[in-house]
Amino acid sequence: MDKKTATLISALRAKAADLGFDGLQIAAPDSIPHARKRLEQFLDAGYHGSMTWMADTADRRGEPTALWPEVRSVIMLAMNYGPANTADQHPMANLQKPDHGNISVYARHRDYHDVIKGKLKELASFLVSRAKTHDTTDVKVFVDTAPVMEKPLAEAAGLGWQGKHTNLVSRQLGSWFFLGAIFTTLELPASEAEPDHCGSCRACLDCCPTGAFPAPYQLDARRCISYLTIEHHGPIPLEFRPHMGNRIYGCDDCLAACPWNKFAAQAREAKLRAREDLVSPRLADLLELDDAAFRRLFSGSPIKRIGRSRFLRNVLVAAGNSGQTELVPAVQRFLSEPDPVLRGTAVWALRALLSSSAFERLRSQESWCEIDPSVQVEWTHASDV
């Protein structure tokens, strides 16, 4: 590496650190030749579930040059979002509070897309201003919204390695960090890839509540609670509901189980630190949210993206799993919701909360089980419990 390039990269790393990034490494565009085949196997197995956009963009996703032929280097950035090292913020702590909801650590404050994209744009502008080449240096920035395989690229760049749970793991940051990418026409020397340090450990695989890992390094999204609570539309499949516990948005179990998190630290970026009201929200309060209240509570949050109906579908499952009979009146009000998915999930939750005789008495007093076919299906399954 010549002195001019070394000075540029050093300045880029310093600027990235000033912006709040916790790691910067560089990958060549052709550094992930295995990614396309792995993606094809994932799609062929149907592991992507209803995320049809993954198949629709598979050709561009397979390699960076298919997305942007002019790219010569991919600058990969990491930003830590680790929780505070306190008992109440430990990712598994809320799972022991059945009357409260558990929100994935990454979604307890601002939407990371908004936080990171602005910083990436600033860093990209800095790169262009410092490159000082005779030819124009072009850049493009990406934060999980374009067909870019960030995790294989980050592994190739040396930010970490894809663990057996398929997420990236770092010896410095553990599991709690976001990825961003800057594609550039500037040719920069690639960093050294990070080898796999998982060894014989199976902690992430064995802790999954729904058995979402068919094998190490393979994920069946259709069984993943993060997919079910965020990406999946319609009713949650019955077989997974009891295993969801009080997880109402995402799931951190496989990340939290990783022993490399002993090196993790709390997020430096204030907008990625947990809001107090989202660390352990009461199910009773969440069940009262109308559309306006939902939008106010989750303004600027990634949770707002899935909308009130999908979110409260998750909350109703958590209510059914809670064993808290005092939630019955709040759940019962959902029997008159316009959304049939909410009505049907409320039926399931009521059957889980009530004794058979109490549930039968409620049914005899209401006509809700005849409202539409989806609710009748829920009633049929509830009767078999």
Protein backbone atom coordinates (compact mmCIF):
# COMPACT_ATOMS: atom_id res chain seq x y z
CA MET A 1 0.00 0.00 0.00
CA ASP A 2 1.44 3.37 -0.98
CA LYS A 3 1.75 6.18 1.55
CA LYS A 4 -1.04 8.27 0.02
CA THR A 5 -3.53 5.41 0.22
CA ALA A 6 -2.45 4.53 3.75
CA THR A 7 -2.98 8.15 4.82
CA LEU A 8 -6.44 8.17 3.22
CA ILE A 9 -7.53 4.98 4.97
CA SER A 10 -6.16 6.21 8.28
CA ALA A 11 -8.12 9.44 7.92
CA LEU A 12 -11.22 7.48 6.94
CA ARG A 13 -10.96 5.29 10.03
CA ALA A 14 -10.54 8.34 12.28
CA LYS A 15 -13.56 10.07 10.72
CA ALA A 16 -15.63 6.90 11.05
CA ALA A 17 -14.76 6.70 14.73
CA ASP A 18 -15.71 10.36 15.21
CA LEU A 19 -19.09 9.61 13.63
CA GLY A 20 -19.70 6.79 16.10
CA PHE A 21 -18.72 3.75 14.07
CA ASP A 22 -16.93 0.98 15.94
CA GLY A 23 -15.16 -0.67 13.05
CA LEU A 24 -14.17 -0.05 9.42
CA GLN A 25 -12.74 -2.64 7.06
CA ILE A 26 -12.55 -3.02 3.29
CA ALA A 27 -13.60 -5.85 1.00
CA ALA A 28 -13.02 -6.42 -2.70
CA PRO A 29 -16.21 -6.68 -4.80
CA ASP A 30 -15.28 -10.25 -5.81
CA SER A 31 -14.55 -11.42 -2.26
CA ILE A 32 -17.77 -13.40 -1.71
CA PRO A 33 -17.93 -15.95 -4.57
CA HIS A 34 -19.70 -18.47 -2.31
CA ALA A 35 -22.54 -16.08 -1.42
CA ARG A 36 -24.58 -16.59 -4.56
CA LYS A 37 -24.68 -20.38 -4.18
CA ARG A 38 -25.59 -20.16 -0.49
CA LEU A 39 -28.38 -17.72 -1.34
CA GLU A 40 -29.71 -20.06 -4.04
CA GLN A 41 -29.74 -22.97 -1.58
CA PHE A 42 -31.56 -20.82 0.99
CA LEU A 43 -34.20 -19.79 -1.54
CA ASP A 44 -34.59 -23.28 -3.04
CA ALA A 45 -35.31 -24.66 0.44
CA GLY A 46 -38.02 -22.05 0.91
CA TYR A 47 -36.32 -20.76 4.04
CA HIS A 48 -37.12 -17.16 3.09
CA GLY A 49 -40.83 -17.70 3.71
CA SER A 50 -42.91 -14.80 2.45
CA MET A 51 -39.91 -12.52 1.88
CA THR A 52 -40.35 -12.72 -1.88
CA TRP A 53 -38.15 -9.67 -2.39
CA MET A 54 -35.14 -11.86 -1.60
CA ALA A 55 -35.87 -14.08 -4.59
CA ASP A 56 -36.84 -11.13 -6.78
CA THR A 57 -33.45 -9.48 -6.21
CA ALA A 58 -31.33 -12.63 -6.05
CA ASP A 59 -29.34 -11.82 -9.21
CA ARG A 60 -28.23 -8.42 -7.89
CA ARG A 61 -27.82 -9.71 -4.35
CA GLY A 62 -25.37 -12.44 -5.32
CA GLU A 63 -22.40 -10.13 -5.94
CA PRO A 64 -21.73 -6.39 -5.61
CA THR A 65 -20.82 -5.87 -9.25
CA ALA A 66 -24.24 -7.16 -10.30
CA LEU A 67 -25.79 -4.34 -8.27
CA TRP A 68 -23.29 -1.69 -9.42
CA PRO A 69 -20.78 -2.72 -12.13
CA GLU A 70 -18.52 0.28 -11.43
CA VAL A 71 -17.77 -0.64 -7.82
CA ARG A 72 -14.08 -1.25 -7.09
CA SER A 73 -14.10 -1.40 -3.27
CA VAL A 74 -16.68 -2.04 -0.56
CA ILE A 75 -16.10 -0.23 2.74
CA MET A 76 -17.90 -2.08 5.54
CA LEU A 77 -18.79 -0.29 8.78
CA ALA A 78 -19.92 -1.61 12.16
CA MET A 79 -21.88 0.33 14.79
CA ASN A 80 -22.43 -1.12 18.24
CA TYR A 81 -25.96 -1.14 19.69
CA GLY A 82 -25.19 -3.23 22.77
CA PRO A 83 -27.52 -3.02 25.78
CA ALA A 84 -26.46 -1.56 29.11
CA ASN A 85 -24.70 -4.01 31.40
CA THR A 86 -27.54 -4.01 33.92
CA ALA A 87 -29.89 -6.76 35.04
CA ASP A 88 -33.01 -5.02 33.74
CA GLN A 89 -31.58 -4.49 30.24
CA HIS A 90 -30.11 -7.96 29.77
CA PRO A 91 -31.74 -9.34 26.60
CA MET A 92 -33.08 -12.41 28.43
CA ALA A 93 -34.31 -10.63 31.58
CA ASN A 94 -37.76 -9.73 30.25
CA LEU A 95 -38.50 -13.32 29.29
CA GLN A 96 -39.13 -13.95 33.00
CA LYS A 97 -41.80 -11.20 33.14
CA PRO A 98 -44.89 -12.70 31.49
CA ASP A 99 -47.02 -9.58 32.07
CA HIS A 100 -44.49 -7.43 30.15
CA GLY A 101 -43.49 -7.48 26.50
CA ASN A 102 -39.99 -8.20 25.25
CA ILE A 103 -38.72 -6.04 22.39
CA SER A 104 -35.51 -6.92 20.58
CA VAL A 105 -32.57 -4.82 21.79
CA TYR A 106 -32.03 -3.19 18.40
CA ALA A 107 -35.59 -1.80 18.33
CA ARG A 108 -35.72 -0.16 21.77
CA HIS A 109 -35.01 3.32 20.43
CA ARG A 110 -34.56 4.98 17.03
CA ASP A 111 -34.70 3.22 13.68
CA TYR A 112 -31.10 2.27 12.90
CA HIS A 113 -31.64 2.88 9.18
CA ASP A 114 -32.16 6.59 9.89
CA VAL A 115 -29.31 6.81 12.39
CA ILE A 116 -26.67 5.05 10.30
CA LYS A 117 -27.55 6.23 6.81
CA GLY A 118 -26.90 9.88 7.63
CA LYS A 119 -23.53 9.00 9.12
CA LEU A 120 -22.64 6.86 6.10
CA LYS A 121 -23.44 9.74 3.76
CA GLU A 122 -21.21 12.04 5.78
CA LEU A 123 -18.39 9.51 5.73
CA ALA A 124 -18.84 8.94 1.98
CA SER A 125 -18.64 12.69 1.35
CA PHE A 126 -15.47 12.82 3.44
CA LEU A 127 -13.99 10.02 1.33
CA VAL A 128 -14.77 11.82 -1.92
CA SER A 129 -13.27 15.08 -0.65
CA ARG A 130 -10.08 13.35 0.53
CA ALA A 131 -9.56 11.01 -2.43
CA LYS A 132 -8.17 13.81 -4.64
CA THR A 133 -7.90 11.63 -7.71
CA HIS A 134 -7.94 12.93 -11.25
CA ASP A 135 -11.00 10.80 -12.00
CA THR A 136 -14.29 11.37 -10.24
CA THR A 137 -14.78 9.14 -7.21
CA ASP A 138 -18.37 7.92 -7.02
CA VAL A 139 -19.96 6.37 -3.95
CA LYS A 140 -23.20 4.66 -2.94
CA VAL A 141 -24.29 3.95 0.64
CA PHE A 142 -26.45 1.06 1.84
CA VAL A 143 -28.03 0.16 5.19
CA ASP A 144 -30.00 -3.06 4.94
CA THR A 145 -32.47 -1.68 2.40
CA ALA A 146 -30.84 -2.71 -0.89
CA PRO A 147 -29.90 -6.14 -2.31
CA VAL A 148 -26.50 -6.19 -0.60
CA MET A 149 -25.22 -9.24 1.29
CA GLU A 150 -23.74 -7.25 4.15
CA LYS A 151 -22.81 -10.17 6.39
CA PRO A 152 -20.65 -12.09 3.87
CA LEU A 153 -19.02 -8.82 2.82
CA ALA A 154 -18.34 -7.86 6.44
CA GLU A 155 -16.82 -11.29 7.05
CA ALA A 156 -14.62 -10.95 3.98
CA ALA A 157 -13.58 -7.48 5.13
CA GLY A 158 -12.63 -8.74 8.58
CA LEU A 159 -15.29 -7.11 10.77
CA GLY A 160 -16.24 -10.52 12.15
CA TRP A 161 -17.47 -13.92 11.03
CA GLN A 162 -20.88 -15.41 10.38
CA GLY A 163 -21.62 -17.59 13.36
CA LYS A 164 -23.65 -20.78 13.43
CA HIS A 165 -26.77 -18.61 13.87
CA THR A 166 -25.85 -16.91 10.54
CA ASN A 167 -25.39 -13.51 12.23
CA LEU A 168 -22.07 -11.73 12.38
CA VAL A 169 -19.94 -12.09 15.51
CA SER A 170 -16.96 -9.93 16.46
CA ARG A 171 -14.21 -10.63 18.96
CA GLN A 172 -14.41 -6.96 19.96
CA LEU A 173 -18.16 -6.23 19.79
CA GLY A 174 -19.78 -9.61 20.38
CA SER A 175 -23.13 -9.91 18.55
CA TRP A 176 -24.61 -6.45 19.07
CA PHE A 177 -23.75 -4.31 16.05
CA PHE A 178 -25.28 -3.02 12.84
CA LEU A 179 -23.62 -3.05 9.43
CA GLY A 180 -23.44 -0.38 6.78
CA ALA A 181 -21.71 -0.33 3.40
CA ILE A 182 -20.11 2.27 1.17
CA PHE A 183 -19.58 1.15 -2.42
CA THR A 184 -16.97 3.23 -4.22
CA THR A 185 -15.28 3.42 -7.60
CA LEU A 186 -12.03 4.11 -5.75
CA GLU A 187 -9.74 1.08 -5.63
CA LEU A 188 -8.61 0.44 -2.05
CA PRO A 189 -6.60 -2.47 -0.63
CA ALA A 190 -8.80 -5.13 0.93
CA SER A 191 -8.52 -5.98 4.61
CA GLU A 192 -7.82 -9.48 5.85
CA ALA A 193 -10.87 -11.71 6.33
CA GLU A 194 -11.82 -12.86 9.83
CA PRO A 195 -11.72 -16.65 10.39
CA ASP A 196 -14.53 -18.52 12.11
CA HIS A 197 -14.06 -18.70 15.89
CA CYS A 198 -17.22 -20.65 16.81
CA GLY A 199 -15.39 -23.92 17.34
CA SER A 200 -17.59 -26.65 18.82
CA CYS A 201 -19.94 -24.21 20.57
CA ARG A 202 -23.67 -24.74 19.93
CA ALA A 203 -25.11 -22.22 22.38
CA CYS A 204 -26.94 -20.19 19.74
CA LEU A 205 -28.43 -23.28 18.08
CA ASP A 206 -29.57 -25.02 21.24
CA CYS A 207 -31.32 -21.99 22.76
CA CYS A 208 -33.66 -21.27 19.83
CA PRO A 209 -37.25 -21.58 21.12
CA THR A 210 -38.67 -22.68 17.77
CA GLY A 211 -35.84 -24.78 16.33
CA ALA A 212 -35.17 -22.36 13.48
CA PHE A 213 -31.72 -23.80 12.66
CA PRO A 214 -31.91 -26.95 10.49
CA ALA A 215 -28.12 -27.21 10.79
CA PRO A 216 -25.22 -24.99 11.87
CA TYR A 217 -24.93 -21.93 9.60
CA GLN A 218 -28.45 -22.46 8.23
CA LEU A 219 -31.59 -20.52 9.20
CA ASP A 220 -35.16 -21.40 8.32
CA ALA A 221 -36.77 -17.97 8.64
CA ARG A 222 -40.24 -19.51 8.65
CA ARG A 223 -39.54 -20.83 12.15
CA CYS A 224 -37.71 -17.74 13.42
CA ILE A 225 -39.53 -15.54 15.95
CA SER A 226 -37.92 -12.42 14.50
CA TYR A 227 -39.38 -13.27 11.10
CA LEU A 228 -42.75 -14.28 12.55
CA THR A 229 -43.20 -11.11 14.57
CA ILE A 230 -41.82 -8.65 12.01
CA GLU A 231 -41.91 -9.91 8.41
CA HIS A 232 -44.75 -12.41 8.54
CA HIS A 233 -48.23 -11.16 7.63
CA GLY A 234 -51.42 -12.86 8.74
CA PRO A 235 -51.92 -15.18 11.71
CA ILE A 236 -48.89 -16.58 13.53
CA PRO A 237 -48.86 -20.37 12.91
CA LEU A 238 -50.37 -22.12 15.92
CA GLU A 239 -47.37 -24.37 16.52
CA PHE A 240 -45.10 -21.40 17.25
CA ARG A 241 -47.35 -19.29 19.48
CA PRO A 242 -46.62 -21.00 22.82
CA HIS A 243 -42.87 -20.79 22.12
CA MET A 244 -43.01 -17.04 21.51
CA GLY A 245 -43.57 -16.32 25.19
CA ASN A 246 -43.68 -12.54 25.58
CA ARG A 247 -41.53 -11.72 22.54
CA ILE A 248 -43.58 -9.05 20.80
CA TYR A 249 -41.01 -7.71 18.33
CA GLY A 250 -38.02 -9.76 17.29
CA CYS A 251 -36.00 -12.26 19.30
CA ASP A 252 -32.48 -11.99 20.71
CA ASP A 253 -32.02 -15.47 22.15
CA CYS A 254 -29.40 -16.75 19.69
CA LEU A 255 -27.46 -13.48 19.89
CA ALA A 256 -27.62 -13.27 23.67
CA ALA A 257 -26.42 -16.87 24.07
CA CYS A 258 -23.13 -16.21 22.25
CA PRO A 259 -20.17 -16.33 24.67
CA TRP A 260 -18.31 -13.71 22.62
CA ASN A 261 -20.66 -11.13 24.12
CA LYS A 262 -18.39 -11.05 27.17
CA PHE A 263 -16.49 -8.43 25.19
CA ALA A 264 -19.60 -6.42 24.26
CA ALA A 265 -20.13 -2.87 25.56
CA GLN A 266 -23.08 -0.51 25.70
CA ALA A 267 -23.85 1.48 22.56
CA ARG A 268 -22.00 4.79 22.29
CA GLU A 269 -24.64 6.34 20.04
CA ALA A 270 -27.37 7.85 22.26
CA LYS A 271 -30.09 7.20 19.67
CA LEU A 272 -29.33 3.46 19.83
CA ARG A 273 -29.53 3.24 23.63
CA ALA A 274 -32.80 1.87 24.95
CA ARG A 275 -35.68 4.18 25.77
CA GLU A 276 -36.84 3.43 29.28
CA ASP A 277 -40.46 2.92 28.19
CA LEU A 278 -39.45 0.29 25.60
CA VAL A 279 -37.23 -1.84 27.81
CA SER A 280 -40.08 -3.70 29.49
CA PRO A 281 -43.52 -2.35 28.46
CA ARG A 282 -46.59 -3.71 30.24
CA LEU A 283 -48.84 -5.85 28.05
CA ALA A 284 -51.89 -4.22 29.65
CA ASP A 285 -50.71 -0.80 28.40
CA LEU A 286 -49.91 -2.06 24.92
CA LEU A 287 -53.32 -3.68 24.54
CA GLU A 288 -54.89 -0.23 24.98
CA LEU A 289 -53.13 1.28 21.95
CA ASP A 290 -55.33 2.67 19.23
CA ASP A 291 -53.76 3.67 15.93
CA ALA A 292 -52.92 7.23 16.99
CA ALA A 293 -51.39 6.07 20.31
CA PHE A 294 -49.39 3.39 18.50
CA ARG A 295 -47.94 5.97 16.15
CA ARG A 296 -47.06 8.32 18.99
CA LEU A 297 -45.38 5.64 21.09
CA PHE A 298 -43.30 4.29 18.22
CA SER A 299 -42.53 7.52 16.37
CA GLY A 300 -39.03 7.17 14.94
CA SER A 301 -38.92 3.48 15.92
CA PRO A 302 -38.51 0.53 13.55
CA ILE A 303 -41.60 -0.97 15.20
CA LYS A 304 -43.77 1.65 13.52
CA ARG A 305 -42.96 0.01 10.18
CA ILE A 306 -45.03 -3.10 10.85
CA GLY A 307 -48.14 -1.14 11.85
CA ARG A 308 -50.54 -1.45 14.75
CA SER A 309 -52.36 -4.59 13.61
CA ARG A 310 -49.27 -6.74 13.18
CA PHE A 311 -47.76 -5.45 16.41
CA LEU A 312 -50.89 -6.05 18.47
CA ARG A 313 -51.24 -9.51 16.93
CA ASN A 314 -47.89 -10.21 18.61
CA VAL A 315 -49.03 -8.62 21.87
CA LEU A 316 -52.16 -10.79 21.89
CA VAL A 317 -50.01 -13.91 21.55
CA ALA A 318 -47.91 -12.70 24.47
CA ALA A 319 -51.08 -12.06 26.46
CA GLY A 320 -52.26 -15.60 25.78
CA ASN A 321 -48.91 -16.95 26.95
CA SER A 322 -48.85 -14.76 30.06
CA GLY A 323 -51.26 -16.67 32.29
CA GLN A 324 -52.49 -13.25 33.49
CA THR A 325 -56.27 -13.57 33.68
CA GLU A 326 -56.59 -9.86 34.48
CA LEU A 327 -55.80 -9.26 30.80
CA VAL A 328 -59.02 -11.02 29.71
CA PRO A 329 -61.17 -7.85 29.47
CA ALA A 330 -58.55 -6.08 27.34
CA VAL A 331 -58.14 -9.11 25.08
CA GLN A 332 -61.91 -9.56 24.78
CA ARG A 333 -62.27 -6.06 23.32
CA PHE A 334 -60.29 -7.24 20.29
CA LEU A 335 -63.21 -9.49 19.31
CA SER A 336 -64.79 -6.42 17.73
CA GLU A 337 -61.66 -5.28 15.87
CA PRO A 338 -62.07 -4.79 12.09
CA ASP A 339 -58.95 -6.88 11.39
CA PRO A 340 -59.88 -10.60 11.33
CA VAL A 341 -56.30 -11.56 12.29
CA LEU A 342 -56.64 -9.60 15.53
CA ARG A 343 -60.06 -11.11 16.21
CA GLY A 344 -58.78 -14.60 15.58
CA THR A 345 -55.67 -14.13 17.71
CA ALA A 346 -57.85 -12.77 20.50
CA VAL A 347 -59.90 -16.00 20.39
CA TRP A 348 -56.70 -18.01 20.80
CA ALA A 349 -55.50 -15.80 23.66
CA LEU A 350 -58.81 -16.06 25.48
CA ARG A 351 -58.79 -19.83 25.20
CA ALA A 352 -55.27 -19.86 26.63
CA LEU A 353 -56.22 -17.57 29.53
CA LEU A 354 -59.59 -19.04 30.47
CA SER A 355 -60.65 -22.42 31.73
CA SER A 356 -62.62 -24.57 29.30
CA SER A 357 -65.89 -23.87 31.08
CA ALA A 358 -65.28 -20.12 31.24
CA PHE A 359 -64.36 -20.07 27.57
CA GLU A 360 -67.52 -21.99 26.66
CA ARG A 361 -69.64 -19.56 28.67
CA LEU A 362 -68.03 -16.63 26.89
CA ARG A 363 -68.64 -18.23 23.52
CA SER A 364 -72.29 -18.84 24.30
CA GLN A 365 -72.70 -15.16 25.14
CA GLU A 366 -71.03 -13.85 22.01
CA SER A 367 -71.48 -14.30 18.29
CA TRP A 368 -67.82 -13.53 17.54
CA CYS A 369 -66.93 -17.09 16.59
CA GLU A 370 -69.25 -16.78 13.60
CA ILE A 371 -67.87 -13.47 12.36
CA ASP A 372 -65.74 -14.89 9.55
CA PRO A 373 -63.92 -18.09 8.53
CA SER A 374 -60.57 -17.06 10.05
CA VAL A 375 -62.12 -16.68 13.49
CA GLN A 376 -64.02 -19.96 13.11
CA VAL A 377 -60.68 -21.69 12.41
CA GLU A 378 -59.24 -20.19 15.59
CA TRP A 379 -62.30 -21.38 17.50
CA THR A 380 -61.90 -24.91 16.14
CA HIS A 381 -58.28 -25.07 17.22
CA ALA A 382 -59.09 -23.46 20.57
CA SER A 383 -61.70 -26.12 21.22
CA ASP A 384 -59.03 -28.79 20.71
CA VAL A 385 -56.70 -27.33 23.37
